[in-house]
Amino acid sequence: MVAMLPHMYEWIDDVTPRIFPLTVAGDEQQIEFDLLGCDDRRGVIKREFQRQVLFGIDWRVRSRPMWLPFRREFPLMAAGICEGRRRWGGASGFARYIMRLEGKTMDAAMMLLIHQGITMLPLCDGILVPQPNIDQAVFALKQASKELLGFIPRVRQK
């Protein structure tokens, strides 16, 4: 399977141990997670990232400590997230917009493969192809992403 991973998740894996606190304090609650002892370290970080940077309801900076390091590392993407939330009606509207954009990207990649006569099975964020066609699937995902998103995400073979 070939899967498309947004660059931001690659960045999370690289910088988390250095800059993100292990304790996130909110107004009414305190969420603690020990990244070293967690079986699903990447999953915990990804969920917190989605909550704090993309789709969280509480948009105050103090309740989302991942935001400032993310904004320093990706100022244009951070501005785009803020604009997207304003433009699409908050977190829910922005989430729907992102899902549609991902779907359009996957559709474009699949069409490139279909035109080449490559058999594939579309999945949520990936394409299942026969082993000999992996390079074409990777190229199709990168090409579609570049055209529709304006950047090439990391594409991984599972």
N, C-alpha and C. Protein backbone atom coordinates (compact mmCIF):
# COMPACT_ATOMS: atom_id res chain seq x y z
N MET A 1 0.83 -1.18 0.00
CA MET A 1 0.00 0.00 0.00
C MET A 1 0.88 1.24 0.00
N VAL A 2 0.45 2.25 -0.68
CA VAL A 2 1.14 3.53 -0.71
C VAL A 2 0.24 4.54 -0.01
N ALA A 3 0.76 5.24 0.98
CA ALA A 3 -0.05 6.19 1.74
C ALA A 3 0.56 7.57 1.68
N MET A 4 -0.30 8.57 1.67
CA MET A 4 0.13 9.96 1.65
C MET A 4 0.11 10.49 3.08
N LEU A 5 1.22 11.03 3.54
CA LEU A 5 1.29 11.59 4.89
C LEU A 5 1.63 13.07 4.79
N PRO A 6 0.78 13.92 5.32
CA PRO A 6 1.10 15.35 5.28
C PRO A 6 2.44 15.63 5.97
N HIS A 7 3.17 16.57 5.45
CA HIS A 7 4.48 16.93 5.97
C HIS A 7 4.42 17.29 7.45
N MET A 8 3.29 17.83 7.92
CA MET A 8 3.21 18.25 9.31
C MET A 8 3.37 17.07 10.26
N TYR A 9 2.87 15.89 9.89
CA TYR A 9 3.02 14.74 10.78
C TYR A 9 4.46 14.26 10.82
N GLU A 10 5.14 14.36 9.70
CA GLU A 10 6.57 14.04 9.69
C GLU A 10 7.30 14.99 10.63
N TRP A 11 6.94 16.26 10.60
CA TRP A 11 7.55 17.26 11.46
C TRP A 11 7.28 16.95 12.92
N ILE A 12 6.07 16.51 13.26
CA ILE A 12 5.74 16.18 14.64
C ILE A 12 6.68 15.12 15.17
N ASP A 13 6.89 14.07 14.39
CA ASP A 13 7.78 12.99 14.83
C ASP A 13 9.18 13.50 15.10
N ASP A 14 9.64 14.43 14.28
CA ASP A 14 11.01 14.94 14.41
C ASP A 14 11.19 15.86 15.61
N VAL A 15 10.23 16.72 15.87
CA VAL A 15 10.45 17.76 16.87
C VAL A 15 9.80 17.51 18.22
N THR A 16 8.90 16.56 18.31
CA THR A 16 8.16 16.36 19.56
C THR A 16 9.07 16.21 20.78
N PRO A 17 10.06 15.34 20.73
CA PRO A 17 10.87 15.19 21.95
C PRO A 17 11.58 16.48 22.39
N ARG A 18 11.84 17.37 21.45
CA ARG A 18 12.58 18.59 21.77
C ARG A 18 11.71 19.72 22.29
N ILE A 19 10.53 19.92 21.69
CA ILE A 19 9.84 21.18 21.96
C ILE A 19 8.45 21.06 22.57
N PHE A 20 7.80 19.93 22.48
CA PHE A 20 6.45 19.86 23.00
C PHE A 20 6.45 19.37 24.44
N PRO A 21 5.70 20.02 25.29
CA PRO A 21 5.63 19.59 26.69
C PRO A 21 4.87 18.27 26.80
N LEU A 22 5.21 17.49 27.81
CA LEU A 22 4.51 16.24 28.04
C LEU A 22 3.22 16.45 28.82
N THR A 23 3.05 17.62 29.39
CA THR A 23 1.82 17.93 30.12
C THR A 23 1.17 19.13 29.46
N VAL A 24 -0.09 18.99 29.15
CA VAL A 24 -0.84 20.06 28.52
C VAL A 24 -1.90 20.51 29.52
N ALA A 25 -1.82 21.75 29.96
CA ALA A 25 -2.76 22.24 30.96
C ALA A 25 -3.84 23.09 30.32
N GLY A 26 -5.09 22.82 30.65
CA GLY A 26 -6.21 23.61 30.18
C GLY A 26 -6.83 24.32 31.36
N ASP A 27 -7.90 25.07 31.13
CA ASP A 27 -8.56 25.80 32.20
C ASP A 27 -9.12 24.86 33.27
N GLU A 28 -9.96 23.90 32.85
CA GLU A 28 -10.64 23.05 33.82
C GLU A 28 -9.96 21.71 34.01
N GLN A 29 -9.12 21.32 33.12
CA GLN A 29 -8.54 19.99 33.20
C GLN A 29 -7.07 20.00 32.86
N GLN A 30 -6.43 18.95 33.24
CA GLN A 30 -5.03 18.78 32.90
C GLN A 30 -4.87 17.42 32.24
N ILE A 31 -4.33 17.41 31.05
CA ILE A 31 -4.15 16.17 30.32
C ILE A 31 -2.68 15.80 30.42
N GLU A 32 -2.40 14.65 30.93
CA GLU A 32 -1.02 14.21 31.04
C GLU A 32 -0.85 12.94 30.23
N PHE A 33 0.24 12.86 29.52
CA PHE A 33 0.57 11.62 28.84
C PHE A 33 2.08 11.46 28.83
N ASP A 34 2.51 10.25 29.12
CA ASP A 34 3.92 9.93 29.15
C ASP A 34 4.26 9.32 27.79
N LEU A 35 4.94 10.09 26.96
CA LEU A 35 5.22 9.62 25.60
C LEU A 35 6.13 8.40 25.58
N LEU A 36 7.02 8.29 26.54
CA LEU A 36 7.94 7.16 26.54
C LEU A 36 7.24 5.87 26.94
N GLY A 37 6.25 5.95 27.81
CA GLY A 37 5.56 4.76 28.27
C GLY A 37 4.32 4.41 27.47
N CYS A 38 3.96 5.21 26.51
CA CYS A 38 2.74 5.00 25.74
C CYS A 38 2.98 4.01 24.61
N ASP A 39 2.07 3.06 24.44
CA ASP A 39 2.19 2.09 23.35
C ASP A 39 2.00 2.74 22.00
N ASP A 40 1.17 3.77 21.94
CA ASP A 40 0.85 4.43 20.68
C ASP A 40 1.32 5.88 20.74
N ARG A 41 2.62 6.08 20.90
CA ARG A 41 3.20 7.42 21.05
C ARG A 41 2.80 8.32 19.89
N ARG A 42 2.96 7.83 18.68
CA ARG A 42 2.64 8.64 17.50
C ARG A 42 1.15 8.96 17.45
N GLY A 43 0.30 8.01 17.81
CA GLY A 43 -1.13 8.25 17.81
C GLY A 43 -1.53 9.31 18.81
N VAL A 44 -0.93 9.28 20.01
CA VAL A 44 -1.22 10.29 21.02
C VAL A 44 -0.80 11.66 20.53
N ILE A 45 0.37 11.74 19.97
CA ILE A 45 0.87 13.03 19.47
C ILE A 45 0.01 13.53 18.32
N LYS A 46 -0.37 12.63 17.42
CA LYS A 46 -1.20 13.02 16.28
C LYS A 46 -2.56 13.55 16.75
N ARG A 47 -3.18 12.85 17.71
CA ARG A 47 -4.47 13.31 18.23
C ARG A 47 -4.34 14.68 18.91
N GLU A 48 -3.30 14.84 19.72
CA GLU A 48 -3.09 16.14 20.37
C GLU A 48 -2.82 17.23 19.34
N PHE A 49 -2.04 16.91 18.32
CA PHE A 49 -1.76 17.88 17.26
C PHE A 49 -3.05 18.29 16.56
N GLN A 50 -3.88 17.31 16.22
CA GLN A 50 -5.14 17.63 15.55
C GLN A 50 -6.02 18.50 16.44
N ARG A 51 -6.05 18.19 17.73
CA ARG A 51 -6.85 18.97 18.66
C ARG A 51 -6.31 20.38 18.83
N GLN A 52 -5.00 20.49 19.01
CA GLN A 52 -4.41 21.78 19.34
C GLN A 52 -4.17 22.67 18.13
N VAL A 53 -3.83 22.10 16.99
CA VAL A 53 -3.42 22.91 15.84
C VAL A 53 -4.50 23.00 14.77
N LEU A 54 -5.26 21.94 14.57
CA LEU A 54 -6.21 21.94 13.46
C LEU A 54 -7.66 22.14 13.87
N PHE A 55 -8.19 21.27 14.72
CA PHE A 55 -9.63 21.18 14.87
C PHE A 55 -10.18 21.44 16.26
N GLY A 56 -9.35 21.82 17.19
CA GLY A 56 -9.83 22.03 18.56
C GLY A 56 -10.83 23.16 18.67
N ILE A 57 -11.74 23.02 19.60
CA ILE A 57 -12.75 24.05 19.84
C ILE A 57 -12.16 25.20 20.65
N ASP A 58 -11.35 24.88 21.65
CA ASP A 58 -10.71 25.90 22.48
C ASP A 58 -9.49 26.43 21.72
N TRP A 59 -9.61 27.61 21.16
CA TRP A 59 -8.60 28.14 20.24
C TRP A 59 -7.65 29.11 20.93
N ARG A 60 -7.71 29.22 22.27
CA ARG A 60 -6.78 30.08 22.98
C ARG A 60 -5.39 29.45 22.99
N VAL A 61 -4.37 30.25 22.80
CA VAL A 61 -3.01 29.75 22.68
C VAL A 61 -2.57 28.99 23.92
N ARG A 62 -2.96 29.42 25.10
CA ARG A 62 -2.48 28.75 26.31
C ARG A 62 -3.03 27.33 26.45
N SER A 63 -4.12 27.00 25.81
CA SER A 63 -4.66 25.65 25.90
C SER A 63 -4.19 24.76 24.75
N ARG A 64 -3.27 25.28 23.94
CA ARG A 64 -2.71 24.49 22.83
C ARG A 64 -1.23 24.83 22.63
N PRO A 65 -0.39 24.31 23.48
CA PRO A 65 1.04 24.65 23.43
C PRO A 65 1.77 24.19 22.18
N MET A 66 1.19 23.30 21.40
CA MET A 66 1.84 22.89 20.14
C MET A 66 1.77 23.98 19.09
N TRP A 67 0.84 24.92 19.25
CA TRP A 67 0.60 25.92 18.22
C TRP A 67 1.82 26.82 17.96
N LEU A 68 2.41 27.37 18.99
CA LEU A 68 3.51 28.33 18.78
C LEU A 68 4.71 27.71 18.08
N PRO A 69 5.19 26.52 18.50
CA PRO A 69 6.30 25.91 17.75
C PRO A 69 5.92 25.59 16.30
N PHE A 70 4.67 25.14 16.11
CA PHE A 70 4.22 24.85 14.75
C PHE A 70 4.21 26.11 13.91
N ARG A 71 3.70 27.20 14.47
CA ARG A 71 3.63 28.48 13.73
C ARG A 71 5.02 29.00 13.38
N ARG A 72 5.99 28.80 14.29
CA ARG A 72 7.37 29.22 13.98
C ARG A 72 7.96 28.39 12.84
N GLU A 73 7.69 27.09 12.85
CA GLU A 73 8.26 26.19 11.84
C GLU A 73 7.56 26.33 10.49
N PHE A 74 6.25 26.54 10.50
CA PHE A 74 5.44 26.60 9.27
C PHE A 74 4.55 27.84 9.28
N PRO A 75 5.10 29.03 9.13
CA PRO A 75 4.27 30.23 9.22
C PRO A 75 3.18 30.32 8.16
N LEU A 76 3.46 29.90 6.94
CA LEU A 76 2.44 29.97 5.88
C LEU A 76 1.33 28.96 6.12
N MET A 77 1.70 27.76 6.56
CA MET A 77 0.68 26.76 6.84
C MET A 77 -0.17 27.18 8.04
N ALA A 78 0.46 27.76 9.04
CA ALA A 78 -0.29 28.23 10.22
C ALA A 78 -1.28 29.32 9.82
N ALA A 79 -0.84 30.23 8.98
CA ALA A 79 -1.75 31.28 8.50
C ALA A 79 -2.89 30.66 7.70
N GLY A 80 -2.58 29.65 6.90
CA GLY A 80 -3.61 28.97 6.13
C GLY A 80 -4.63 28.26 7.02
N ILE A 81 -4.17 27.68 8.11
CA ILE A 81 -5.08 27.01 9.05
C ILE A 81 -6.01 28.04 9.67
N CYS A 82 -5.47 29.15 10.11
CA CYS A 82 -6.31 30.20 10.71
C CYS A 82 -7.33 30.72 9.69
N GLU A 83 -6.88 30.97 8.47
CA GLU A 83 -7.78 31.45 7.42
C GLU A 83 -8.83 30.39 7.09
N GLY A 84 -8.41 29.14 7.01
CA GLY A 84 -9.35 28.06 6.72
C GLY A 84 -10.43 27.93 7.77
N ARG A 85 -10.03 28.05 9.03
CA ARG A 85 -11.03 27.98 10.11
C ARG A 85 -12.02 29.14 10.02
N ARG A 86 -11.51 30.33 9.69
CA ARG A 86 -12.41 31.48 9.53
C ARG A 86 -13.33 31.29 8.31
N ARG A 87 -12.73 30.90 7.22
CA ARG A 87 -13.45 30.81 5.95
C ARG A 87 -14.49 29.69 5.94
N TRP A 88 -14.18 28.56 6.55
CA TRP A 88 -15.05 27.39 6.46
C TRP A 88 -15.92 27.19 7.70
N GLY A 89 -15.99 28.18 8.58
CA GLY A 89 -16.94 28.11 9.68
C GLY A 89 -16.45 27.37 10.91
N GLY A 90 -15.20 27.55 11.26
CA GLY A 90 -14.69 26.94 12.49
C GLY A 90 -14.09 25.57 12.26
N ALA A 91 -13.93 24.85 13.36
CA ALA A 91 -13.23 23.56 13.32
C ALA A 91 -13.95 22.53 12.46
N SER A 92 -15.27 22.41 12.60
CA SER A 92 -16.02 21.40 11.84
C SER A 92 -15.99 21.67 10.35
N GLY A 93 -16.22 22.92 9.98
CA GLY A 93 -16.18 23.26 8.57
C GLY A 93 -14.80 23.07 7.97
N PHE A 94 -13.78 23.42 8.73
CA PHE A 94 -12.40 23.24 8.27
C PHE A 94 -12.09 21.75 8.11
N ALA A 95 -12.56 20.92 9.04
CA ALA A 95 -12.34 19.47 8.95
C ALA A 95 -12.98 18.91 7.68
N ARG A 96 -14.20 19.34 7.39
CA ARG A 96 -14.87 18.88 6.16
C ARG A 96 -14.10 19.33 4.92
N TYR A 97 -13.63 20.56 4.94
CA TYR A 97 -12.85 21.07 3.80
C TYR A 97 -11.58 20.24 3.58
N ILE A 98 -10.87 19.94 4.67
CA ILE A 98 -9.64 19.14 4.57
C ILE A 98 -9.94 17.75 4.02
N MET A 99 -11.03 17.14 4.49
CA MET A 99 -11.40 15.80 3.99
C MET A 99 -11.73 15.84 2.50
N ARG A 100 -12.45 16.87 2.08
CA ARG A 100 -12.75 16.99 0.64
C ARG A 100 -11.48 17.17 -0.17
N LEU A 101 -10.57 17.97 0.33
CA LEU A 101 -9.31 18.20 -0.37
C LEU A 101 -8.49 16.91 -0.47
N GLU A 102 -8.45 16.15 0.61
CA GLU A 102 -7.75 14.86 0.58
C GLU A 102 -8.41 13.93 -0.43
N GLY A 103 -9.75 13.92 -0.44
CA GLY A 103 -10.46 13.07 -1.39
C GLY A 103 -10.18 13.46 -2.84
N LYS A 104 -10.17 14.75 -3.12
CA LYS A 104 -9.85 15.21 -4.47
C LYS A 104 -8.44 14.80 -4.88
N THR A 105 -7.51 14.88 -3.94
CA THR A 105 -6.13 14.50 -4.22
C THR A 105 -6.03 13.01 -4.52
N MET A 106 -6.71 12.20 -3.70
CA MET A 106 -6.68 10.76 -3.93
C MET A 106 -7.37 10.41 -5.25
N ASP A 107 -8.48 11.07 -5.55
CA ASP A 107 -9.17 10.83 -6.83
C ASP A 107 -8.26 11.14 -8.01
N ALA A 108 -7.56 12.26 -7.95
CA ALA A 108 -6.65 12.64 -9.04
C ALA A 108 -5.54 11.61 -9.21
N ALA A 109 -4.99 11.14 -8.10
CA ALA A 109 -3.93 10.13 -8.17
C ALA A 109 -4.47 8.83 -8.76
N MET A 110 -5.66 8.43 -8.34
CA MET A 110 -6.26 7.20 -8.86
C MET A 110 -6.55 7.32 -10.35
N MET A 111 -6.98 8.48 -10.81
CA MET A 111 -7.24 8.67 -12.23
C MET A 111 -5.96 8.53 -13.05
N LEU A 112 -4.86 9.05 -12.51
CA LEU A 112 -3.57 8.88 -13.20
C LEU A 112 -3.23 7.39 -13.34
N LEU A 113 -3.49 6.62 -12.30
CA LEU A 113 -3.20 5.18 -12.34
C LEU A 113 -4.16 4.46 -13.29
N ILE A 114 -5.42 4.82 -13.27
CA ILE A 114 -6.40 4.20 -14.17
C ILE A 114 -6.02 4.43 -15.63
N HIS A 115 -5.58 5.65 -15.95
CA HIS A 115 -5.17 5.96 -17.33
C HIS A 115 -3.94 5.17 -17.75
N GLN A 116 -3.17 4.70 -16.79
CA GLN A 116 -2.00 3.86 -17.09
C GLN A 116 -2.37 2.38 -17.10
N GLY A 117 -3.63 2.07 -16.80
CA GLY A 117 -4.08 0.67 -16.79
C GLY A 117 -3.64 -0.09 -15.56
N ILE A 118 -3.36 0.62 -14.46
CA ILE A 118 -2.89 -0.02 -13.24
C ILE A 118 -4.08 -0.36 -12.34
N THR A 119 -4.15 -1.60 -11.94
CA THR A 119 -5.20 -2.05 -11.03
C THR A 119 -4.87 -1.55 -9.63
N MET A 120 -5.87 -0.99 -8.95
CA MET A 120 -5.64 -0.50 -7.59
C MET A 120 -6.92 -0.54 -6.81
N LEU A 121 -6.78 -0.47 -5.50
CA LEU A 121 -7.91 -0.42 -4.59
C LEU A 121 -7.76 0.84 -3.76
N PRO A 122 -8.71 1.78 -3.87
CA PRO A 122 -8.60 3.01 -3.08
C PRO A 122 -8.93 2.74 -1.61
N LEU A 123 -8.16 3.33 -0.74
CA LEU A 123 -8.39 3.26 0.70
C LEU A 123 -8.53 4.69 1.21
N CYS A 124 -8.73 4.87 2.48
CA CYS A 124 -8.97 6.19 3.06
C CYS A 124 -7.89 7.20 2.67
N ASP A 125 -6.66 6.92 3.02
CA ASP A 125 -5.57 7.84 2.70
C ASP A 125 -4.44 7.12 1.99
N GLY A 126 -4.80 6.10 1.23
CA GLY A 126 -3.80 5.32 0.53
C GLY A 126 -4.40 4.62 -0.67
N ILE A 127 -3.53 3.98 -1.42
CA ILE A 127 -3.93 3.24 -2.60
C ILE A 127 -3.22 1.90 -2.53
N LEU A 128 -3.97 0.82 -2.65
CA LEU A 128 -3.40 -0.52 -2.66
C LEU A 128 -3.14 -0.90 -4.11
N VAL A 129 -1.88 -1.18 -4.43
CA VAL A 129 -1.49 -1.53 -5.80
C VAL A 129 -0.63 -2.78 -5.76
N PRO A 130 -0.56 -3.50 -6.90
CA PRO A 130 0.37 -4.63 -6.96
C PRO A 130 1.81 -4.16 -6.77
N GLN A 131 2.63 -5.01 -6.22
CA GLN A 131 4.03 -4.68 -5.94
C GLN A 131 4.76 -4.04 -7.12
N PRO A 132 4.59 -4.54 -8.35
CA PRO A 132 5.32 -3.94 -9.48
C PRO A 132 4.91 -2.49 -9.80
N ASN A 133 3.76 -2.04 -9.27
CA ASN A 133 3.26 -0.71 -9.60
C ASN A 133 3.43 0.31 -8.49
N ILE A 134 4.20 0.00 -7.47
CA ILE A 134 4.36 0.90 -6.34
C ILE A 134 4.98 2.23 -6.77
N ASP A 135 6.00 2.19 -7.60
CA ASP A 135 6.64 3.43 -8.03
C ASP A 135 5.66 4.35 -8.77
N GLN A 136 4.80 3.77 -9.61
CA GLN A 136 3.81 4.58 -10.32
C GLN A 136 2.79 5.19 -9.34
N ALA A 137 2.41 4.42 -8.32
CA ALA A 137 1.45 4.93 -7.34
C ALA A 137 2.07 6.07 -6.53
N VAL A 138 3.32 5.92 -6.14
CA VAL A 138 4.01 6.99 -5.41
C VAL A 138 4.07 8.24 -6.27
N PHE A 139 4.45 8.08 -7.53
CA PHE A 139 4.52 9.22 -8.45
C PHE A 139 3.15 9.88 -8.61
N ALA A 140 2.09 9.06 -8.75
CA ALA A 140 0.75 9.61 -8.94
C ALA A 140 0.32 10.43 -7.72
N LEU A 141 0.58 9.92 -6.53
CA LEU A 141 0.21 10.66 -5.31
C LEU A 141 0.99 11.97 -5.21
N LYS A 142 2.27 11.91 -5.52
CA LYS A 142 3.08 13.13 -5.46
C LYS A 142 2.64 14.15 -6.50
N GLN A 143 2.37 13.67 -7.71
CA GLN A 143 1.95 14.56 -8.79
C GLN A 143 0.61 15.23 -8.47
N ALA A 144 -0.36 14.43 -8.03
CA ALA A 144 -1.67 14.97 -7.69
C ALA A 144 -1.56 15.96 -6.53
N SER A 145 -0.76 15.65 -5.55
CA SER A 145 -0.59 16.54 -4.40
C SER A 145 0.03 17.86 -4.81
N LYS A 146 1.05 17.78 -5.65
CA LYS A 146 1.71 19.01 -6.10
C LYS A 146 0.73 19.91 -6.86
N GLU A 147 -0.08 19.32 -7.71
CA GLU A 147 -1.03 20.10 -8.50
C GLU A 147 -2.16 20.67 -7.65
N LEU A 148 -2.69 19.90 -6.73
CA LEU A 148 -3.87 20.33 -5.97
C LEU A 148 -3.53 21.03 -4.66
N LEU A 149 -2.46 20.61 -4.01
CA LEU A 149 -2.12 21.16 -2.69
C LEU A 149 -1.01 22.20 -2.74
N GLY A 150 -0.21 22.13 -3.80
CA GLY A 150 0.89 23.08 -3.91
C GLY A 150 2.17 22.61 -3.24
N PHE A 151 2.17 21.39 -2.72
CA PHE A 151 3.38 20.82 -2.13
C PHE A 151 3.32 19.31 -2.28
N ILE A 152 4.46 18.68 -2.09
CA ILE A 152 4.54 17.22 -2.19
C ILE A 152 4.71 16.66 -0.78
N PRO A 153 3.71 15.93 -0.30
CA PRO A 153 3.85 15.35 1.03
C PRO A 153 4.76 14.13 0.99
N ARG A 154 5.14 13.68 2.15
CA ARG A 154 5.89 12.43 2.22
C ARG A 154 4.92 11.32 1.84
N VAL A 155 5.34 10.45 0.97
CA VAL A 155 4.53 9.31 0.54
C VAL A 155 5.28 8.07 1.00
N ARG A 156 4.56 7.18 1.67
CA ARG A 156 5.19 6.03 2.29
C ARG A 156 4.58 4.75 1.80
N GLN A 157 5.41 3.74 1.63
CA GLN A 157 4.96 2.40 1.28
C GLN A 157 4.80 1.61 2.57
N LYS A 158 3.65 0.99 2.75
CA LYS A 158 3.41 0.19 3.95
C LYS A 158 3.52 -1.28 3.64
